[in-house]
All heavy atoms as atom14 arrays in JSON, in Angstrom:
{
  "sequence": "FTLAARNYLDYGGLFIFDLNTEYKYREILGEQTIAENRDEGS",
  "atom14_mask": [
    [1, 1, 1, 1, 1, 1, 1, 1, 1, 1, 1, 0, 0, 0],
    [1, 1, 1, 1, 1, 1, 1, 0, 0, 0, 0, 0, 0, 0],
    [1, 1, 1, 1, 1, 1, 1, 1, 0, 0, 0, 0, 0, 0],
    [1, 1, 1, 1, 1, 0, 0, 0, 0, 0, 0, 0, 0, 0],
    [1, 1, 1, 1, 1, 0, 0, 0, 0, 0, 0, 0, 0, 0],
    [1, 1, 1, 1, 1, 1, 1, 1, 1, 1, 1, 0, 0, 0],
    [1, 1, 1, 1, 1, 1, 1, 1, 0, 0, 0, 0, 0, 0],
    [1, 1, 1, 1, 1, 1, 1, 1, 1, 1, 1, 1, 0, 0],
    [1, 1, 1, 1, 1, 1, 1, 1, 0, 0, 0, 0, 0, 0],
    [1, 1, 1, 1, 1, 1, 1, 1, 0, 0, 0, 0, 0, 0],
    [1, 1, 1, 1, 1, 1, 1, 1, 1, 1, 1, 1, 0, 0],
    [1, 1, 1, 1, 0, 0, 0, 0, 0, 0, 0, 0, 0, 0],
    [1, 1, 1, 1, 0, 0, 0, 0, 0, 0, 0, 0, 0, 0],
    [1, 1, 1, 1, 1, 1, 1, 1, 0, 0, 0, 0, 0, 0],
    [1, 1, 1, 1, 1, 1, 1, 1, 1, 1, 1, 0, 0, 0],
    [1, 1, 1, 1, 1, 1, 1, 1, 0, 0, 0, 0, 0, 0],
    [1, 1, 1, 1, 1, 1, 1, 1, 1, 1, 1, 0, 0, 0],
    [1, 1, 1, 1, 1, 1, 1, 1, 0, 0, 0, 0, 0, 0],
    [1, 1, 1, 1, 1, 1, 1, 1, 0, 0, 0, 0, 0, 0],
    [1, 1, 1, 1, 1, 1, 1, 1, 0, 0, 0, 0, 0, 0],
    [1, 1, 1, 1, 1, 1, 1, 0, 0, 0, 0, 0, 0, 0],
    [1, 1, 1, 1, 1, 1, 1, 1, 1, 0, 0, 0, 0, 0],
    [1, 1, 1, 1, 1, 1, 1, 1, 1, 1, 1, 1, 0, 0],
    [1, 1, 1, 1, 1, 1, 1, 1, 1, 0, 0, 0, 0, 0],
    [1, 1, 1, 1, 1, 1, 1, 1, 1, 1, 1, 1, 0, 0],
    [1, 1, 1, 1, 1, 1, 1, 1, 1, 1, 1, 0, 0, 0],
    [1, 1, 1, 1, 1, 1, 1, 1, 1, 0, 0, 0, 0, 0],
    [1, 1, 1, 1, 1, 1, 1, 1, 0, 0, 0, 0, 0, 0],
    [1, 1, 1, 1, 1, 1, 1, 1, 0, 0, 0, 0, 0, 0],
    [1, 1, 1, 1, 0, 0, 0, 0, 0, 0, 0, 0, 0, 0],
    [1, 1, 1, 1, 1, 1, 1, 1, 1, 0, 0, 0, 0, 0],
    [1, 1, 1, 1, 1, 1, 1, 1, 1, 0, 0, 0, 0, 0],
    [1, 1, 1, 1, 1, 1, 1, 0, 0, 0, 0, 0, 0, 0],
    [1, 1, 1, 1, 1, 1, 1, 1, 0, 0, 0, 0, 0, 0],
    [1, 1, 1, 1, 1, 0, 0, 0, 0, 0, 0, 0, 0, 0],
    [1, 1, 1, 1, 1, 1, 1, 1, 1, 0, 0, 0, 0, 0],
    [1, 1, 1, 1, 1, 1, 1, 1, 0, 0, 0, 0, 0, 0],
    [1, 1, 1, 1, 1, 1, 1, 1, 1, 1, 1, 0, 0, 0],
    [1, 1, 1, 1, 1, 1, 1, 1, 0, 0, 0, 0, 0, 0],
    [1, 1, 1, 1, 1, 1, 1, 1, 1, 0, 0, 0, 0, 0],
    [1, 1, 1, 1, 0, 0, 0, 0, 0, 0, 0, 0, 0, 0],
    [1, 1, 1, 1, 1, 1, 0, 0, 0, 0, 0, 0, 0, 0]
  ],
  "atom14_positions": [
    [[18.16, 30.03, 31.91], [16.96, 30.65, 31.34], [16.48, 29.88, 30.11], [15.28, 29.71, 29.9], [17.25, 32.1, 30.95], [17.55, 33.01, 32.11], [18.29, 34.17, 31.93], [17.09, 32.73, 33.4], [18.57, 35.02, 32.99], [17.37, 33.57, 34.46], [18.1, 34.72, 34.25], [0.0, 0.0, 0.0], [0.0, 0.0, 0.0], [0.0, 0.0, 0.0]],
    [[17.43, 29.4, 29.31], [17.07, 28.67, 28.09], [16.44, 27.33, 28.42], [15.47, 26.9, 27.76], [18.31, 28.48, 27.2], [18.88, 29.76, 26.91], [17.96, 27.78, 25.91], [0.0, 0.0, 0.0], [0.0, 0.0, 0.0], [0.0, 0.0, 0.0], [0.0, 0.0, 0.0], [0.0, 0.0, 0.0], [0.0, 0.0, 0.0], [0.0, 0.0, 0.0]],
    [[16.97, 26.63, 29.42], [16.36, 25.37, 29.85], [14.91, 25.6, 30.27], [14.02, 24.79, 29.96], [17.15, 24.77, 31.02], [18.51, 24.15, 30.68], [19.24, 23.75, 31.97], [18.33, 22.93, 29.78], [0.0, 0.0, 0.0], [0.0, 0.0, 0.0], [0.0, 0.0, 0.0], [0.0, 0.0, 0.0], [0.0, 0.0, 0.0], [0.0, 0.0, 0.0]],
    [[14.68, 26.7, 30.99], [13.32, 27.03, 31.41], [12.44, 27.34, 30.21], [11.32, 26.82, 30.08], [13.34, 28.21, 32.38], [0.0, 0.0, 0.0], [0.0, 0.0, 0.0], [0.0, 0.0, 0.0], [0.0, 0.0, 0.0], [0.0, 0.0, 0.0], [0.0, 0.0, 0.0], [0.0, 0.0, 0.0], [0.0, 0.0, 0.0], [0.0, 0.0, 0.0]],
    [[12.96, 28.16, 29.29], [12.15, 28.66, 28.18], [11.84, 27.59, 27.14], [10.78, 27.62, 26.51], [12.86, 29.83, 27.5], [0.0, 0.0, 0.0], [0.0, 0.0, 0.0], [0.0, 0.0, 0.0], [0.0, 0.0, 0.0], [0.0, 0.0, 0.0], [0.0, 0.0, 0.0], [0.0, 0.0, 0.0], [0.0, 0.0, 0.0], [0.0, 0.0, 0.0]],
    [[12.75, 26.65, 26.96], [12.58, 25.69, 25.86], [12.25, 24.27, 26.31], [11.74, 23.48, 25.51], [13.86, 25.67, 25.01], [14.16, 27.03, 24.39], [15.4, 26.99, 23.52], [15.72, 28.32, 23.0], [16.78, 28.59, 22.25], [17.62, 27.61, 21.92], [17.01, 29.81, 21.82], [0.0, 0.0, 0.0], [0.0, 0.0, 0.0], [0.0, 0.0, 0.0]],
    [[12.58, 23.95, 27.57], [12.43, 22.55, 27.99], [11.43, 22.32, 29.12], [10.63, 21.38, 29.05], [13.78, 21.98, 28.44], [14.77, 21.85, 27.3], [14.59, 22.44, 26.25], [15.82, 21.08, 27.52], [0.0, 0.0, 0.0], [0.0, 0.0, 0.0], [0.0, 0.0, 0.0], [0.0, 0.0, 0.0], [0.0, 0.0, 0.0], [0.0, 0.0, 0.0]],
    [[11.47, 23.15, 30.16], [10.85, 22.73, 31.41], [9.72, 23.61, 31.93], [9.12, 23.27, 32.94], [11.93, 22.57, 32.48], [12.94, 21.51, 32.11], [14.3, 21.81, 32.05], [12.54, 20.23, 31.77], [15.23, 20.85, 31.7], [13.47, 19.26, 31.42], [14.81, 19.57, 31.37], [15.73, 18.62, 31.01], [0.0, 0.0, 0.0], [0.0, 0.0, 0.0]],
    [[9.44, 24.72, 31.29], [8.29, 25.52, 31.69], [7.13, 25.25, 30.75], [7.31, 25.16, 29.53], [8.62, 27.02, 31.65], [9.16, 27.69, 32.91], [9.42, 29.16, 32.64], [8.22, 27.53, 34.09], [0.0, 0.0, 0.0], [0.0, 0.0, 0.0], [0.0, 0.0, 0.0], [0.0, 0.0, 0.0], [0.0, 0.0, 0.0], [0.0, 0.0, 0.0]],
    [[5.92, 25.13, 31.29], [4.73, 25.12, 30.45], [4.68, 26.42, 29.66], [5.2, 27.45, 30.11], [3.47, 25.03, 31.31], [3.29, 23.69, 31.99], [3.97, 22.72, 31.6], [2.47, 23.62, 32.93], [0.0, 0.0, 0.0], [0.0, 0.0, 0.0], [0.0, 0.0, 0.0], [0.0, 0.0, 0.0], [0.0, 0.0, 0.0], [0.0, 0.0, 0.0]],
    [[4.02, 26.38, 28.51], [3.78, 27.64, 27.79], [2.97, 28.56, 28.71], [1.97, 28.16, 29.3], [3.01, 27.38, 26.5], [3.86, 26.7, 25.45], [3.67, 25.36, 25.13], [4.86, 27.41, 24.77], [4.45, 24.74, 24.16], [5.66, 26.8, 23.81], [5.45, 25.46, 23.52], [6.24, 24.84, 22.57], [0.0, 0.0, 0.0], [0.0, 0.0, 0.0]],
    [[3.43, 29.77, 28.85], [2.78, 30.71, 29.76], [3.23, 30.57, 31.21], [2.79, 31.32, 32.08], [0.0, 0.0, 0.0], [0.0, 0.0, 0.0], [0.0, 0.0, 0.0], [0.0, 0.0, 0.0], [0.0, 0.0, 0.0], [0.0, 0.0, 0.0], [0.0, 0.0, 0.0], [0.0, 0.0, 0.0], [0.0, 0.0, 0.0], [0.0, 0.0, 0.0]],
    [[4.15, 29.61, 31.47], [4.64, 29.4, 32.84], [5.58, 30.51, 33.29], [6.25, 31.16, 32.47], [0.0, 0.0, 0.0], [0.0, 0.0, 0.0], [0.0, 0.0, 0.0], [0.0, 0.0, 0.0], [0.0, 0.0, 0.0], [0.0, 0.0, 0.0], [0.0, 0.0, 0.0], [0.0, 0.0, 0.0], [0.0, 0.0, 0.0], [0.0, 0.0, 0.0]],
    [[5.67, 30.71, 34.6], [6.47, 31.8, 35.17], [7.81, 31.31, 35.71], [7.92, 30.19, 36.23], [5.71, 32.48, 36.31], [4.42, 33.22, 35.99], [3.92, 33.95, 37.23], [4.59, 34.19, 34.83], [0.0, 0.0, 0.0], [0.0, 0.0, 0.0], [0.0, 0.0, 0.0], [0.0, 0.0, 0.0], [0.0, 0.0, 0.0], [0.0, 0.0, 0.0]],
    [[8.81, 32.17, 35.59], [10.09, 31.99, 36.25], [10.27, 33.21, 37.14], [10.42, 34.33, 36.66], [11.21, 31.9, 35.21], [12.54, 31.42, 35.75], [13.49, 30.93, 34.88], [12.86, 31.47, 37.1], [14.74, 30.49, 35.34], [14.07, 31.03, 37.58], [15.02, 30.54, 36.69], [0.0, 0.0, 0.0], [0.0, 0.0, 0.0], [0.0, 0.0, 0.0]],
    [[10.23, 32.98, 38.46], [10.36, 34.05, 39.45], [11.66, 33.84, 40.21], [11.86, 32.78, 40.82], [9.17, 34.04, 40.44], [7.84, 34.16, 39.68], [9.31, 35.15, 41.48], [6.62, 33.89, 40.55], [0.0, 0.0, 0.0], [0.0, 0.0, 0.0], [0.0, 0.0, 0.0], [0.0, 0.0, 0.0], [0.0, 0.0, 0.0], [0.0, 0.0, 0.0]],
    [[12.54, 34.82, 40.18], [13.8, 34.67, 40.92], [14.22, 36.02, 41.49], [13.8, 37.08, 41.01], [14.91, 34.11, 40.02], [15.26, 34.96, 38.84], [16.3, 35.89, 38.9], [14.57, 34.83, 37.64], [16.64, 36.67, 37.8], [14.9, 35.6, 36.53], [15.94, 36.53, 36.61], [0.0, 0.0, 0.0], [0.0, 0.0, 0.0], [0.0, 0.0, 0.0]],
    [[15.04, 35.96, 42.54], [15.55, 37.2, 43.11], [17.06, 37.28, 42.93], [17.74, 36.28, 42.65], [15.13, 37.38, 44.57], [15.79, 36.39, 45.53], [16.94, 35.99, 45.3], [15.15, 36.03, 46.54], [0.0, 0.0, 0.0], [0.0, 0.0, 0.0], [0.0, 0.0, 0.0], [0.0, 0.0, 0.0], [0.0, 0.0, 0.0], [0.0, 0.0, 0.0]],
    [[17.57, 38.49, 43.07], [19.0, 38.76, 42.94], [19.42, 39.8, 43.97], [18.71, 40.8, 44.17], [19.34, 39.31, 41.55], [19.25, 38.39, 40.34], [19.24, 39.22, 39.07], [20.4, 37.4, 40.32], [0.0, 0.0, 0.0], [0.0, 0.0, 0.0], [0.0, 0.0, 0.0], [0.0, 0.0, 0.0], [0.0, 0.0, 0.0], [0.0, 0.0, 0.0]],
    [[20.56, 39.59, 44.6], [21.21, 40.68, 45.31], [21.68, 41.69, 44.27], [22.15, 41.33, 43.19], [22.42, 40.18, 46.1], [22.03, 39.55, 47.42], [20.97, 39.8, 47.96], [22.92, 38.71, 47.94], [0.0, 0.0, 0.0], [0.0, 0.0, 0.0], [0.0, 0.0, 0.0], [0.0, 0.0, 0.0], [0.0, 0.0, 0.0], [0.0, 0.0, 0.0]],
    [[21.59, 42.97, 44.59], [21.94, 44.02, 43.63], [23.4, 44.44, 43.73], [24.09, 44.17, 44.73], [21.06, 45.26, 43.87], [21.34, 45.78, 45.17], [19.58, 44.92, 43.75], [0.0, 0.0, 0.0], [0.0, 0.0, 0.0], [0.0, 0.0, 0.0], [0.0, 0.0, 0.0], [0.0, 0.0, 0.0], [0.0, 0.0, 0.0], [0.0, 0.0, 0.0]],
    [[23.85, 45.13, 42.71], [25.19, 45.71, 42.74], [25.33, 46.65, 43.92], [26.39, 46.71, 44.57], [25.46, 46.45, 41.44], [25.52, 45.57, 40.21], [25.77, 46.37, 38.95], [26.92, 46.81, 38.76], [24.83, 46.56, 38.17], [0.0, 0.0, 0.0], [0.0, 0.0, 0.0], [0.0, 0.0, 0.0], [0.0, 0.0, 0.0], [0.0, 0.0, 0.0]],
    [[24.29, 47.42, 44.21], [24.32, 48.34, 45.34], [24.62, 47.59, 46.64], [25.43, 48.04, 47.46], [22.98, 49.08, 45.45], [22.87, 49.95, 46.7], [23.37, 51.25, 46.71], [22.28, 49.45, 47.87], [23.28, 52.03, 47.86], [22.19, 50.22, 49.01], [22.7, 51.51, 49.0], [22.62, 52.28, 50.14], [0.0, 0.0, 0.0], [0.0, 0.0, 0.0]],
    [[23.97, 46.46, 46.85], [24.17, 45.71, 48.08], [25.6, 45.22, 48.22], [26.21, 45.33, 49.29], [23.2, 44.52, 48.14], [23.31, 43.72, 49.44], [22.25, 42.63, 49.51], [22.34, 41.86, 50.82], [21.28, 40.83, 50.91], [0.0, 0.0, 0.0], [0.0, 0.0, 0.0], [0.0, 0.0, 0.0], [0.0, 0.0, 0.0], [0.0, 0.0, 0.0]],
    [[26.14, 44.68, 47.14], [27.52, 44.19, 47.21], [28.5, 45.34, 47.42], [29.44, 45.23, 48.22], [27.88, 43.44, 45.92], [27.17, 42.12, 45.77], [26.33, 41.88, 44.69], [27.36, 41.1, 46.69], [25.69, 40.67, 44.53], [26.72, 39.88, 46.54], [25.89, 39.67, 45.47], [25.24, 38.46, 45.33], [0.0, 0.0, 0.0], [0.0, 0.0, 0.0]],
    [[28.27, 46.43, 46.73], [29.22, 47.55, 46.78], [29.12, 48.34, 48.08], [30.15, 48.68, 48.69], [28.97, 48.46, 45.57], [29.98, 49.58, 45.43], [29.7, 50.43, 44.2], [28.4, 51.1, 44.29], [27.36, 50.79, 43.53], [27.44, 49.82, 42.63], [26.21, 51.44, 43.66], [0.0, 0.0, 0.0], [0.0, 0.0, 0.0], [0.0, 0.0, 0.0]],
    [[27.9, 48.63, 48.53], [27.71, 49.55, 49.65], [27.42, 48.86, 50.99], [27.69, 49.43, 52.03], [26.55, 50.5, 49.33], [26.71, 51.3, 48.05], [27.87, 52.27, 48.1], [28.29, 52.65, 49.22], [28.38, 52.65, 47.02], [0.0, 0.0, 0.0], [0.0, 0.0, 0.0], [0.0, 0.0, 0.0], [0.0, 0.0, 0.0], [0.0, 0.0, 0.0]],
    [[26.86, 47.66, 50.96], [26.44, 47.01, 52.21], [27.4, 45.89, 52.62], [27.86, 45.84, 53.75], [25.01, 46.45, 52.08], [24.03, 47.54, 51.61], [24.55, 45.84, 53.4], [23.92, 48.72, 52.54], [0.0, 0.0, 0.0], [0.0, 0.0, 0.0], [0.0, 0.0, 0.0], [0.0, 0.0, 0.0], [0.0, 0.0, 0.0], [0.0, 0.0, 0.0]],
    [[27.72, 45.0, 51.67], [28.54, 43.84, 52.02], [30.02, 44.06, 51.79], [30.85, 43.57, 52.56], [28.08, 42.62, 51.2], [26.69, 42.07, 51.5], [26.38, 40.89, 50.6], [26.57, 41.65, 52.96], [0.0, 0.0, 0.0], [0.0, 0.0, 0.0], [0.0, 0.0, 0.0], [0.0, 0.0, 0.0], [0.0, 0.0, 0.0], [0.0, 0.0, 0.0]],
    [[30.38, 44.78, 50.74], [31.77, 44.9, 50.33], [32.71, 45.31, 51.44], [32.47, 46.3, 52.14], [0.0, 0.0, 0.0], [0.0, 0.0, 0.0], [0.0, 0.0, 0.0], [0.0, 0.0, 0.0], [0.0, 0.0, 0.0], [0.0, 0.0, 0.0], [0.0, 0.0, 0.0], [0.0, 0.0, 0.0], [0.0, 0.0, 0.0], [0.0, 0.0, 0.0]],
    [[33.78, 44.52, 51.62], [34.83, 44.79, 52.61], [34.31, 44.8, 54.06], [34.96, 45.37, 54.94], [35.53, 46.14, 52.32], [35.99, 46.29, 50.88], [36.89, 45.16, 50.43], [37.78, 44.76, 51.2], [36.69, 44.66, 49.3], [0.0, 0.0, 0.0], [0.0, 0.0, 0.0], [0.0, 0.0, 0.0], [0.0, 0.0, 0.0], [0.0, 0.0, 0.0]],
    [[33.18, 44.18, 54.28], [32.61, 44.12, 55.63], [32.84, 42.73, 56.24], [32.87, 41.72, 55.54], [31.11, 44.4, 55.6], [30.74, 45.78, 55.12], [31.23, 46.87, 56.06], [31.1, 46.77, 57.27], [31.79, 47.93, 55.48], [0.0, 0.0, 0.0], [0.0, 0.0, 0.0], [0.0, 0.0, 0.0], [0.0, 0.0, 0.0], [0.0, 0.0, 0.0]],
    [[32.98, 42.71, 57.56], [33.07, 41.45, 58.3], [31.88, 41.37, 59.24], [31.61, 42.29, 60.01], [34.38, 41.37, 59.12], [35.5, 41.41, 58.23], [34.43, 40.07, 59.93], [0.0, 0.0, 0.0], [0.0, 0.0, 0.0], [0.0, 0.0, 0.0], [0.0, 0.0, 0.0], [0.0, 0.0, 0.0], [0.0, 0.0, 0.0], [0.0, 0.0, 0.0]],
    [[31.17, 40.26, 59.16], [29.99, 40.02, 59.98], [30.26, 38.82, 60.86], [30.75, 37.78, 60.39], [28.74, 39.77, 59.1], [28.51, 40.95, 58.17], [27.51, 39.5, 59.96], [27.52, 40.68, 57.06], [0.0, 0.0, 0.0], [0.0, 0.0, 0.0], [0.0, 0.0, 0.0], [0.0, 0.0, 0.0], [0.0, 0.0, 0.0], [0.0, 0.0, 0.0]],
    [[29.96, 38.93, 62.13], [30.19, 37.81, 63.06], [28.97, 37.62, 63.95], [28.28, 38.58, 64.29], [31.43, 38.07, 63.91], [0.0, 0.0, 0.0], [0.0, 0.0, 0.0], [0.0, 0.0, 0.0], [0.0, 0.0, 0.0], [0.0, 0.0, 0.0], [0.0, 0.0, 0.0], [0.0, 0.0, 0.0], [0.0, 0.0, 0.0], [0.0, 0.0, 0.0]],
    [[28.7, 36.37, 64.28], [27.58, 36.07, 65.16], [27.94, 34.87, 66.01], [28.56, 33.9, 65.52], [26.32, 35.79, 64.35], [25.07, 35.67, 65.22], [23.78, 35.74, 64.42], [23.82, 36.23, 63.27], [22.75, 35.3, 64.94], [0.0, 0.0, 0.0], [0.0, 0.0, 0.0], [0.0, 0.0, 0.0], [0.0, 0.0, 0.0], [0.0, 0.0, 0.0]],
    [[27.56, 34.92, 67.28], [27.9, 33.85, 68.21], [26.64, 33.37, 68.93], [25.9, 34.17, 69.49], [28.93, 34.35, 69.24], [29.38, 33.25, 70.17], [29.55, 32.11, 69.75], [29.56, 33.58, 71.43], [0.0, 0.0, 0.0], [0.0, 0.0, 0.0], [0.0, 0.0, 0.0], [0.0, 0.0, 0.0], [0.0, 0.0, 0.0], [0.0, 0.0, 0.0]],
    [[26.39, 32.07, 68.85], [25.26, 31.46, 69.56], [25.75, 30.18, 70.21], [26.83, 29.67, 69.88], [24.11, 31.16, 68.6], [23.59, 32.39, 67.86], [22.29, 32.08, 67.16], [21.85, 33.19, 66.31], [20.69, 33.22, 65.67], [19.87, 32.19, 65.77], [20.36, 34.24, 64.91], [0.0, 0.0, 0.0], [0.0, 0.0, 0.0], [0.0, 0.0, 0.0]],
    [[24.94, 29.62, 71.1], [25.34, 28.39, 71.77], [25.56, 27.25, 70.78], [26.49, 26.44, 70.94], [24.27, 27.96, 72.79], [24.22, 28.87, 74.01], [25.22, 29.58, 74.24], [23.19, 28.88, 74.7], [0.0, 0.0, 0.0], [0.0, 0.0, 0.0], [0.0, 0.0, 0.0], [0.0, 0.0, 0.0], [0.0, 0.0, 0.0], [0.0, 0.0, 0.0]],
    [[24.7, 27.18, 69.75], [24.79, 26.07, 68.8], [25.97, 26.22, 67.85], [26.41, 25.25, 67.22], [23.5, 25.97, 67.97], [22.26, 25.71, 68.81], [21.59, 27.0, 69.28], [22.27, 28.05, 69.31], [20.39, 26.95, 69.59], [0.0, 0.0, 0.0], [0.0, 0.0, 0.0], [0.0, 0.0, 0.0], [0.0, 0.0, 0.0], [0.0, 0.0, 0.0]],
    [[26.46, 27.43, 67.68], [27.56, 27.65, 66.77], [27.81, 29.12, 66.56], [27.03, 29.98, 66.99], [0.0, 0.0, 0.0], [0.0, 0.0, 0.0], [0.0, 0.0, 0.0], [0.0, 0.0, 0.0], [0.0, 0.0, 0.0], [0.0, 0.0, 0.0], [0.0, 0.0, 0.0], [0.0, 0.0, 0.0], [0.0, 0.0, 0.0], [0.0, 0.0, 0.0]],
    [[28.9, 29.42, 65.91], [29.23, 30.81, 65.61], [29.88, 30.88, 64.24], [30.35, 29.87, 63.71], [30.17, 31.39, 66.67], [31.39, 30.67, 66.7], [0.0, 0.0, 0.0], [0.0, 0.0, 0.0], [0.0, 0.0, 0.0], [0.0, 0.0, 0.0], [0.0, 0.0, 0.0], [0.0, 0.0, 0.0], [0.0, 0.0, 0.0], [0.0, 0.0, 0.0]]
  ]
}
């Protein structure tokens, strides 16, 4: 964030980013196993 704010963003420039939430890790992904099989790979 500091590199963006002080070095590499124009004044007034935007930093747009996304994050997975705590809810997703705790309730959706946590302790889960996901598997997928296709011809190209699995």
